[in-house]
């Protein structure tokens, strides 16, 4: 369903915005967003490689 996809993308973008602010550690961020450590780093690496199109 389309609404779920946009919600996931919104969550990724919020996570990445929080990561860029550097107010929390990556460990605290993935716990706060309820994602695994590997997912967090996968999102970060994609964003670093592809920019906003990456997530």
N, C-alpha and C. Protein backbone atom coordinates (compact mmCIF):
# COMPACT_ATOMS: atom_id res chain seq x y z
N UNK A 1 0.84 -1.19 0.00
CA UNK A 1 0.00 0.00 0.00
C UNK A 1 0.88 1.24 0.00
N UNK A 2 0.57 2.24 -0.80
CA UNK A 2 1.41 3.43 -0.93
C UNK A 2 1.61 4.18 0.37
N UNK A 3 0.58 4.26 1.22
CA UNK A 3 0.74 5.06 2.43
C UNK A 3 1.80 4.47 3.35
N UNK A 4 2.00 3.17 3.35
CA UNK A 4 3.04 2.57 4.18
C UNK A 4 4.42 2.93 3.65
N UNK A 5 4.59 2.95 2.34
CA UNK A 5 5.88 3.29 1.76
C UNK A 5 6.28 4.72 2.10
N UNK A 6 5.36 5.64 2.00
CA UNK A 6 5.70 7.02 2.31
C UNK A 6 5.99 7.19 3.80
N UNK A 7 5.32 6.42 4.63
CA UNK A 7 5.57 6.50 6.06
C UNK A 7 6.98 6.00 6.38
N UNK A 8 7.40 4.93 5.73
CA UNK A 8 8.74 4.41 5.94
C UNK A 8 9.77 5.41 5.46
N UNK A 9 9.53 6.00 4.31
CA UNK A 9 10.46 7.00 3.79
C UNK A 9 10.54 8.19 4.73
N UNK A 10 9.40 8.62 5.26
CA UNK A 10 9.40 9.73 6.22
C UNK A 10 10.22 9.38 7.45
N UNK A 11 10.09 8.14 7.93
CA UNK A 11 10.86 7.71 9.09
C UNK A 11 12.36 7.74 8.78
N UNK A 12 12.72 7.28 7.60
CA UNK A 12 14.13 7.29 7.22
C UNK A 12 14.67 8.70 7.16
N UNK A 13 13.91 9.60 6.57
CA UNK A 13 14.36 10.98 6.45
C UNK A 13 14.47 11.65 7.82
N UNK A 14 13.53 11.35 8.72
CA UNK A 14 13.61 11.89 10.08
C UNK A 14 14.84 11.35 10.80
N UNK A 15 15.09 10.05 10.64
CA UNK A 15 16.27 9.43 11.24
C UNK A 15 17.54 10.11 10.75
N UNK A 16 17.62 10.29 9.42
CA UNK A 16 18.82 10.90 8.83
C UNK A 16 18.99 12.35 9.26
N UNK A 17 17.89 13.08 9.39
CA UNK A 17 17.97 14.46 9.86
C UNK A 17 18.49 14.50 11.29
N UNK A 18 18.01 13.59 12.12
CA UNK A 18 18.49 13.50 13.51
C UNK A 18 19.97 13.12 13.54
N UNK A 19 20.36 12.22 12.69
CA UNK A 19 21.76 11.79 12.60
C UNK A 19 22.66 12.98 12.22
N UNK A 20 22.22 13.78 11.26
CA UNK A 20 23.03 14.91 10.82
C UNK A 20 23.15 15.99 11.89
N UNK A 21 22.18 16.10 12.76
CA UNK A 21 22.25 17.10 13.84
C UNK A 21 23.28 16.72 14.90
N UNK A 22 23.65 15.44 14.93
CA UNK A 22 24.67 14.92 15.85
C UNK A 22 24.35 15.19 17.31
N UNK A 23 23.07 15.20 17.66
CA UNK A 23 22.69 15.42 19.04
C UNK A 23 22.60 14.12 19.83
N UNK A 24 22.53 12.99 19.09
CA UNK A 24 22.45 11.68 19.72
C UNK A 24 23.44 10.75 19.02
N UNK A 25 23.88 9.75 19.74
CA UNK A 25 24.74 8.75 19.12
C UNK A 25 23.90 7.90 18.18
N UNK A 26 24.55 7.19 17.27
CA UNK A 26 23.85 6.30 16.36
C UNK A 26 23.11 5.23 17.15
N UNK A 27 23.73 4.72 18.21
CA UNK A 27 23.08 3.70 19.05
C UNK A 27 21.78 4.23 19.66
N UNK A 28 21.82 5.44 20.17
CA UNK A 28 20.60 6.03 20.73
C UNK A 28 19.55 6.27 19.65
N UNK A 29 20.00 6.66 18.47
CA UNK A 29 19.05 6.90 17.37
C UNK A 29 18.35 5.63 16.93
N UNK A 30 19.11 4.54 16.72
CA UNK A 30 18.43 3.34 16.24
C UNK A 30 17.50 2.77 17.29
N UNK A 31 17.82 2.95 18.55
CA UNK A 31 16.89 2.53 19.61
C UNK A 31 15.64 3.40 19.60
N UNK A 32 15.82 4.70 19.46
CA UNK A 32 14.68 5.62 19.47
C UNK A 32 13.74 5.38 18.29
N UNK A 33 14.31 5.01 17.15
CA UNK A 33 13.49 4.79 15.96
C UNK A 33 13.05 3.34 15.81
N UNK A 34 13.49 2.48 16.71
CA UNK A 34 13.05 1.09 16.70
C UNK A 34 13.55 0.29 15.52
N UNK A 35 14.78 0.59 15.09
CA UNK A 35 15.38 -0.14 13.98
C UNK A 35 16.66 -0.81 14.47
N UNK A 36 17.14 -1.76 13.70
CA UNK A 36 18.37 -2.46 14.09
C UNK A 36 19.59 -1.61 13.76
N UNK A 37 20.70 -1.96 14.38
CA UNK A 37 21.96 -1.27 14.12
C UNK A 37 22.34 -1.38 12.64
N UNK A 38 22.18 -2.58 12.07
CA UNK A 38 22.55 -2.77 10.66
C UNK A 38 21.67 -1.94 9.74
N UNK A 39 20.39 -1.83 10.05
CA UNK A 39 19.49 -0.99 9.25
C UNK A 39 19.91 0.48 9.35
N UNK A 40 20.24 0.93 10.54
CA UNK A 40 20.66 2.31 10.73
C UNK A 40 21.89 2.63 9.87
N UNK A 41 22.87 1.78 9.93
CA UNK A 41 24.08 2.03 9.14
C UNK A 41 23.84 1.87 7.64
N UNK A 42 22.93 0.99 7.26
CA UNK A 42 22.58 0.85 5.85
C UNK A 42 21.96 2.15 5.34
N UNK A 43 21.04 2.73 6.11
CA UNK A 43 20.41 4.00 5.72
C UNK A 43 21.45 5.11 5.65
N UNK A 44 22.34 5.18 6.63
CA UNK A 44 23.37 6.21 6.65
C UNK A 44 24.30 6.07 5.45
N UNK A 45 24.73 4.85 5.16
CA UNK A 45 25.63 4.64 4.02
C UNK A 45 24.97 4.97 2.70
N UNK A 46 23.72 4.59 2.53
CA UNK A 46 23.00 4.93 1.30
C UNK A 46 22.88 6.44 1.14
N UNK A 47 22.56 7.10 2.25
CA UNK A 47 22.42 8.56 2.19
C UNK A 47 23.76 9.21 1.83
N UNK A 48 24.84 8.71 2.41
CA UNK A 48 26.16 9.27 2.12
C UNK A 48 26.56 9.06 0.66
N UNK A 49 26.17 7.92 0.08
CA UNK A 49 26.51 7.63 -1.32
C UNK A 49 25.61 8.33 -2.32
N UNK A 50 24.31 8.38 -2.03
CA UNK A 50 23.34 8.85 -3.02
C UNK A 50 22.65 10.16 -2.69
N UNK A 51 22.89 10.68 -1.52
CA UNK A 51 22.19 11.91 -1.12
C UNK A 51 20.75 11.62 -0.79
N UNK A 52 19.90 12.58 -1.00
CA UNK A 52 18.49 12.46 -0.63
C UNK A 52 17.78 11.34 -1.39
N UNK A 53 18.27 10.96 -2.55
CA UNK A 53 17.66 9.87 -3.30
C UNK A 53 18.02 8.52 -2.70
N UNK A 54 18.99 8.49 -1.81
CA UNK A 54 19.49 7.25 -1.24
C UNK A 54 18.54 6.51 -0.33
N UNK A 55 17.83 7.19 0.56
CA UNK A 55 16.98 6.45 1.48
C UNK A 55 15.93 5.71 0.74
